[in-house]
Amino acid sequence: MTKSEADLLTLLGELDFPEWLKWPRSYNRTQTAALFGELAAQPEGAFTACCTVERDTQDSSE
């Protein structure tokens, strides 16, 4: 195994921490929701059109 492969495995091990299976360690749901709200407001301001967004989805496939 090369050093870069070993480094990659170490990184993957750190990111695959059992306590953080649902979200990354630095994820802040409140902060992310606020940022998403700002993003959704941009088309409304630029085009004077309503931009309805769903904030309660469980899966990215939705």
PDB file of N, CA and C in Angstrom:
ATOM      1  N   MET A   1       0.844  -1.168   0.000  1.00  0.00           N
ATOM      2  CA  MET A   1       0.000   0.000   0.000  1.00  0.00           C
ATOM      3  C   MET A   1       0.896   1.241   0.000  1.00  0.00           C
ATOM      4  N   THR A   2       0.552   2.175  -0.880  1.00  0.00           N
ATOM      5  CA  THR A   2       1.333   3.409  -0.960  1.00  0.00           C
ATOM      6  C   THR A   2       0.934   4.365   0.174  1.00  0.00           C
ATOM      7  N   LYS A   3       1.738   5.388   0.370  1.00  0.00           N
ATOM      8  CA  LYS A   3       1.446   6.380   1.406  1.00  0.00           C
ATOM      9  C   LYS A   3       0.135   7.094   1.120  1.00  0.00           C
ATOM     10  N   SER A   4      -0.118   7.422  -0.137  1.00  0.00           N
ATOM     11  CA  SER A   4      -1.363   8.128  -0.476  1.00  0.00           C
ATOM     12  C   SER A   4      -2.581   7.237  -0.230  1.00  0.00           C
ATOM     13  N   GLU A   5      -2.453   5.946  -0.493  1.00  0.00           N
ATOM     14  CA  GLU A   5      -3.558   5.021  -0.207  1.00  0.00           C
ATOM     15  C   GLU A   5      -3.787   4.907   1.298  1.00  0.00           C
ATOM     16  N   ALA A   6      -2.714   4.857   2.063  1.00  0.00           N
ATOM     17  CA  ALA A   6      -2.823   4.787   3.518  1.00  0.00           C
ATOM     18  C   ALA A   6      -3.448   6.074   4.065  1.00  0.00           C
ATOM     19  N   ASP A   7      -3.038   7.217   3.502  1.00  0.00           N
ATOM     20  CA  ASP A   7      -3.617   8.495   3.921  1.00  0.00           C
ATOM     21  C   ASP A   7      -5.113   8.540   3.618  1.00  0.00           C
ATOM     22  N   LEU A   8      -5.486   8.025   2.458  1.00  0.00           N
ATOM     23  CA  LEU A   8      -6.896   7.998   2.068  1.00  0.00           C
ATOM     24  C   LEU A   8      -7.696   7.110   3.022  1.00  0.00           C
ATOM     25  N   LEU A   9      -7.170   5.950   3.358  1.00  0.00           N
ATOM     26  CA  LEU A   9      -7.861   5.059   4.290  1.00  0.00           C
ATOM     27  C   LEU A   9      -7.996   5.693   5.673  1.00  0.00           C
ATOM     28  N   THR A  10      -6.970   6.398   6.101  1.00  0.00           N
ATOM     29  CA  THR A  10      -7.027   7.103   7.385  1.00  0.00           C
ATOM     30  C   THR A  10      -8.115   8.171   7.348  1.00  0.00           C
ATOM     31  N   LEU A  11      -8.156   8.957   6.280  1.00  0.00           N
ATOM     32  CA  LEU A  11      -9.163   9.995   6.129  1.00  0.00           C
ATOM     33  C   LEU A  11     -10.566   9.397   6.115  1.00  0.00           C
ATOM     34  N   LEU A  12     -10.754   8.327   5.352  1.00  0.00           N
ATOM     35  CA  LEU A  12     -12.071   7.678   5.294  1.00  0.00           C
ATOM     36  C   LEU A  12     -12.482   7.153   6.663  1.00  0.00           C
ATOM     37  N   GLY A  13     -11.528   6.631   7.407  1.00  0.00           N
ATOM     38  CA  GLY A  13     -11.812   6.157   8.761  1.00  0.00           C
ATOM     39  C   GLY A  13     -12.247   7.281   9.676  1.00  0.00           C
ATOM     40  N   GLU A  14     -11.623   8.443   9.535  1.00  0.00           N
ATOM     41  CA  GLU A  14     -11.988   9.601  10.349  1.00  0.00           C
ATOM     42  C   GLU A  14     -13.373  10.121   9.973  1.00  0.00           C
ATOM     43  N   LEU A  15     -13.698  10.113   8.694  1.00  0.00           N
ATOM     44  CA  LEU A  15     -14.992  10.614   8.231  1.00  0.00           C
ATOM     45  C   LEU A  15     -16.129   9.645   8.520  1.00  0.00           C
ATOM     46  N   ASP A  16     -15.819   8.381   8.685  1.00  0.00           N
ATOM     47  CA  ASP A  16     -16.818   7.349   8.919  1.00  0.00           C
ATOM     48  C   ASP A  16     -16.983   7.102  10.420  1.00  0.00           C
ATOM     49  N   PHE A  17     -17.076   8.171  11.185  1.00  0.00           N
ATOM     50  CA  PHE A  17     -17.209   8.097  12.626  1.00  0.00           C
ATOM     51  C   PHE A  17     -18.639   7.683  12.972  1.00  0.00           C
ATOM     52  N   PRO A  18     -18.848   6.609  13.727  1.00  0.00           N
ATOM     53  CA  PRO A  18     -20.195   6.086  13.993  1.00  0.00           C
ATOM     54  C   PRO A  18     -21.173   7.098  14.589  1.00  0.00           C
ATOM     55  N   GLU A  19     -20.682   8.054  15.336  1.00  0.00           N
ATOM     56  CA  GLU A  19     -21.569   9.042  15.941  1.00  0.00           C
ATOM     57  C   GLU A  19     -22.150  10.003  14.910  1.00  0.00           C
ATOM     58  N   TRP A  20     -21.522  10.095  13.741  1.00  0.00           N
ATOM     59  CA  TRP A  20     -21.925  11.067  12.732  1.00  0.00           C
ATOM     60  C   TRP A  20     -22.414  10.398  11.452  1.00  0.00           C
ATOM     61  N   LEU A  21     -23.218   9.361  11.566  1.00  0.00           N
ATOM     62  CA  LEU A  21     -23.666   8.641  10.376  1.00  0.00           C
ATOM     63  C   LEU A  21     -24.655   9.438   9.529  1.00  0.00           C
ATOM     64  N   LYS A  22     -25.468  10.257  10.157  1.00  0.00           N
ATOM     65  CA  LYS A  22     -26.510  10.956   9.414  1.00  0.00           C
ATOM     66  C   LYS A  22     -26.022  12.257   8.780  1.00  0.00           C
ATOM     67  N   TRP A  23     -25.192  13.029   9.510  1.00  0.00           N
ATOM     68  CA  TRP A  23     -24.676  14.298   9.011  1.00  0.00           C
ATOM     69  C   TRP A  23     -23.185  14.398   9.289  1.00  0.00           C
ATOM     70  N   PRO A  24     -22.476  15.200   8.521  1.00  0.00           N
ATOM     71  CA  PRO A  24     -21.058  15.423   8.813  1.00  0.00           C
ATOM     72  C   PRO A  24     -20.888  16.094  10.176  1.00  0.00           C
ATOM     73  N   ARG A  25     -19.728  15.974  10.747  1.00  0.00           N
ATOM     74  CA  ARG A  25     -19.429  16.534  12.063  1.00  0.00           C
ATOM     75  C   ARG A  25     -19.750  18.018  12.169  1.00  0.00           C
ATOM     76  N   SER A  26     -19.424  18.776  11.164  1.00  0.00           N
ATOM     77  CA  SER A  26     -19.579  20.233  11.235  1.00  0.00           C
ATOM     78  C   SER A  26     -20.962  20.715  10.787  1.00  0.00           C
ATOM     79  N   TYR A  27     -21.884  19.801  10.492  1.00  0.00           N
ATOM     80  CA  TYR A  27     -23.208  20.177   9.995  1.00  0.00           C
ATOM     81  C   TYR A  27     -24.027  20.859  11.083  1.00  0.00           C
ATOM     82  N   ASN A  28     -24.596  22.002  10.752  1.00  0.00           N
ATOM     83  CA  ASN A  28     -25.464  22.739  11.655  1.00  0.00           C
ATOM     84  C   ASN A  28     -26.780  22.952  10.920  1.00  0.00           C
ATOM     85  N   ARG A  29     -27.810  22.239  11.334  1.00  0.00           N
ATOM     86  CA  ARG A  29     -29.086  22.270  10.621  1.00  0.00           C
ATOM     87  C   ARG A  29     -29.698  23.674  10.575  1.00  0.00           C
ATOM     88  N   THR A  30     -29.623  24.405  11.672  1.00  0.00           N
ATOM     89  CA  THR A  30     -30.195  25.752  11.731  1.00  0.00           C
ATOM     90  C   THR A  30     -29.457  26.696  10.784  1.00  0.00           C
ATOM     91  N   GLN A  31     -28.134  26.633  10.816  1.00  0.00           N
ATOM     92  CA  GLN A  31     -27.335  27.490   9.940  1.00  0.00           C
ATOM     93  C   GLN A  31     -27.564  27.129   8.467  1.00  0.00           C
ATOM     94  N   THR A  32     -27.633  25.848   8.172  1.00  0.00           N
ATOM     95  CA  THR A  32     -27.861  25.410   6.799  1.00  0.00           C
ATOM     96  C   THR A  32     -29.235  25.853   6.312  1.00  0.00           C
ATOM     97  N   ALA A  33     -30.250  25.759   7.170  1.00  0.00           N
ATOM     98  CA  ALA A  33     -31.596  26.203   6.798  1.00  0.00           C
ATOM     99  C   ALA A  33     -31.613  27.701   6.501  1.00  0.00           C
ATOM    100  N   ALA A  34     -30.885  28.480   7.295  1.00  0.00           N
ATOM    101  CA  ALA A  34     -30.816  29.927   7.060  1.00  0.00           C
ATOM    102  C   ALA A  34     -30.135  30.231   5.729  1.00  0.00           C
ATOM    103  N   LEU A  35     -29.051  29.536   5.437  1.00  0.00           N
ATOM    104  CA  LEU A  35     -28.353  29.726   4.161  1.00  0.00           C
ATOM    105  C   LEU A  35     -29.241  29.331   2.990  1.00  0.00           C
ATOM    106  N   PHE A  36     -29.992  28.237   3.150  1.00  0.00           N
ATOM    107  CA  PHE A  36     -30.891  27.791   2.093  1.00  0.00           C
ATOM    108  C   PHE A  36     -32.002  28.819   1.873  1.00  0.00           C
ATOM    109  N   GLY A  37     -32.496  29.404   2.962  1.00  0.00           N
ATOM    110  CA  GLY A  37     -33.520  30.440   2.845  1.00  0.00           C
ATOM    111  C   GLY A  37     -33.016  31.638   2.056  1.00  0.00           C
ATOM    112  N   GLU A  38     -31.768  32.031   2.315  1.00  0.00           N
ATOM    113  CA  GLU A  38     -31.165  33.136   1.556  1.00  0.00           C
ATOM    114  C   GLU A  38     -31.047  32.781   0.076  1.00  0.00           C
ATOM    115  N   LEU A  39     -30.652  31.547  -0.196  1.00  0.00           N
ATOM    116  CA  LEU A  39     -30.520  31.093  -1.583  1.00  0.00           C
ATOM    117  C   LEU A  39     -31.876  31.103  -2.291  1.00  0.00           C
ATOM    118  N   ALA A  40     -32.907  30.620  -1.610  1.00  0.00           N
ATOM    119  CA  ALA A  40     -34.244  30.570  -2.203  1.00  0.00           C
ATOM    120  C   ALA A  40     -34.813  31.964  -2.422  1.00  0.00           C
ATOM    121  N   ALA A  41     -34.401  32.937  -1.618  1.00  0.00           N
ATOM    122  CA  ALA A  41     -34.918  34.297  -1.751  1.00  0.00           C
ATOM    123  C   ALA A  41     -34.326  35.031  -2.957  1.00  0.00           C
ATOM    124  N   GLN A  42     -33.182  34.607  -3.444  1.00  0.00           N
ATOM    125  CA  GLN A  42     -32.535  35.304  -4.556  1.00  0.00           C
ATOM    126  C   GLN A  42     -33.383  35.331  -5.825  1.00  0.00           C
ATOM    127  N   PRO A  43     -33.953  34.208  -6.277  1.00  0.00           N
ATOM    128  CA  PRO A  43     -34.800  34.292  -7.481  1.00  0.00           C
ATOM    129  C   PRO A  43     -36.028  35.167  -7.265  1.00  0.00           C
ATOM    130  N   GLU A  44     -36.577  35.148  -6.049  1.00  0.00           N
ATOM    131  CA  GLU A  44     -37.740  35.990  -5.768  1.00  0.00           C
ATOM    132  C   GLU A  44     -37.398  37.459  -5.965  1.00  0.00           C
ATOM    133  N   GLY A  45     -36.236  37.864  -5.467  1.00  0.00           N
ATOM    134  CA  GLY A  45     -35.830  39.261  -5.610  1.00  0.00           C
ATOM    135  C   GLY A  45     -35.457  39.620  -7.036  1.00  0.00           C
ATOM    136  N   ALA A  46     -34.803  38.704  -7.725  1.00  0.00           N
ATOM    137  CA  ALA A  46     -34.329  38.985  -9.083  1.00  0.00           C
ATOM    138  C   ALA A  46     -35.451  38.966 -10.117  1.00  0.00           C
ATOM    139  N   PHE A  47     -36.425  38.086  -9.923  1.00  0.00           N
ATOM    140  CA  PHE A  47     -37.469  37.907 -10.939  1.00  0.00           C
ATOM    141  C   PHE A  47     -38.869  38.267 -10.448  1.00  0.00           C
ATOM    142  N   THR A  48     -38.988  38.737  -9.220  1.00  0.00           N
ATOM    143  CA  THR A  48     -40.274  39.066  -8.620  1.00  0.00           C
ATOM    144  C   THR A  48     -41.255  37.909  -8.799  1.00  0.00           C
ATOM    145  N   ALA A  49     -40.772  36.726  -8.460  1.00  0.00           N
ATOM    146  CA  ALA A  49     -41.598  35.522  -8.572  1.00  0.00           C
ATOM    147  C   ALA A  49     -41.478  34.722  -7.282  1.00  0.00           C
ATOM    148  N   CYS A  50     -42.540  34.050  -6.932  1.00  0.00           N
ATOM    149  CA  CYS A  50     -42.540  33.242  -5.718  1.00  0.00           C
ATOM    150  C   CYS A  50     -41.712  31.976  -5.932  1.00  0.00           C
ATOM    151  N   CYS A  51     -40.842  31.698  -4.995  1.00  0.00           N
ATOM    152  CA  CYS A  51     -40.003  30.499  -5.063  1.00  0.00           C
ATOM    153  C   CYS A  51     -40.337  29.621  -3.852  1.00  0.00           C
ATOM    154  N   THR A  52     -41.219  28.664  -4.050  1.00  0.00           N
ATOM    155  CA  THR A  52     -41.621  27.779  -2.966  1.00  0.00           C
ATOM    156  C   THR A  52     -40.595  26.667  -2.811  1.00  0.00           C
ATOM    157  N   VAL A  53     -40.150  26.454  -1.587  1.00  0.00           N
ATOM    158  CA  VAL A  53     -39.171  25.407  -1.328  1.00  0.00           C
ATOM    159  C   VAL A  53     -39.679  24.488  -0.231  1.00  0.00           C
ATOM    160  N   GLU A  54     -39.339  23.236  -0.318  1.00  0.00           N
ATOM    161  CA  GLU A  54     -39.692  22.240   0.696  1.00  0.00           C
ATOM    162  C   GLU A  54     -38.527  22.146   1.669  1.00  0.00           C
ATOM    163  N   ARG A  55     -38.786  22.349   2.937  1.00  0.00           N
ATOM    164  CA  ARG A  55     -37.723  22.336   3.930  1.00  0.00           C
ATOM    165  C   ARG A  55     -37.773  21.096   4.819  1.00  0.00           C
ATOM    166  N   ASP A  56     -38.715  20.221   4.595  1.00  0.00           N
ATOM    167  CA  ASP A  56     -38.892  19.084   5.488  1.00  0.00           C
ATOM    168  C   ASP A  56     -38.635  17.747   4.805  1.00  0.00           C
ATOM    169  N   THR A  57     -37.756  17.704   3.827  1.00  0.00           N
ATOM    170  CA  THR A  57     -37.474  16.450   3.139  1.00  0.00           C
ATOM    171  C   THR A  57     -36.498  15.606   3.936  1.00  0.00           C
ATOM    172  N   GLN A  58     -36.625  14.317   3.806  1.00  0.00           N
ATOM    173  CA  GLN A  58     -35.760  13.386   4.535  1.00  0.00           C
ATOM    174  C   GLN A  58     -34.631  12.841   3.668  1.00  0.00           C
ATOM    175  N   ASP A  59     -34.850  12.751   2.383  1.00  0.00           N
ATOM    176  CA  ASP A  59     -33.862  12.137   1.489  1.00  0.00           C
ATOM    177  C   ASP A  59     -33.490  13.081   0.369  1.00  0.00           C
ATOM    178  N   SER A  60     -32.253  13.011  -0.044  1.00  0.00           N
ATOM    179  CA  SER A  60     -31.806  13.873  -1.139  1.00  0.00           C
ATOM    180  C   SER A  60     -32.483  13.512  -2.452  1.00  0.00           C
ATOM    181  N   SER A  61     -33.009  12.290  -2.563  1.00  0.00           N
ATOM    182  CA  SER A  61     -33.664  11.881  -3.797  1.00  0.00           C
ATOM    183  C   SER A  61     -34.973  12.636  -4.013  1.00  0.00           C
ATOM    184  N   GLU A  62     -35.505  13.231  -2.977  1.00  0.00           N
ATOM    185  CA  GLU A  62     -36.728  14.002  -3.130  1.00  0.00           C
ATOM    186  C   GLU A  62     -36.436  15.330  -3.770  1.00  0.00           C
TER     187      GLU A  62
END
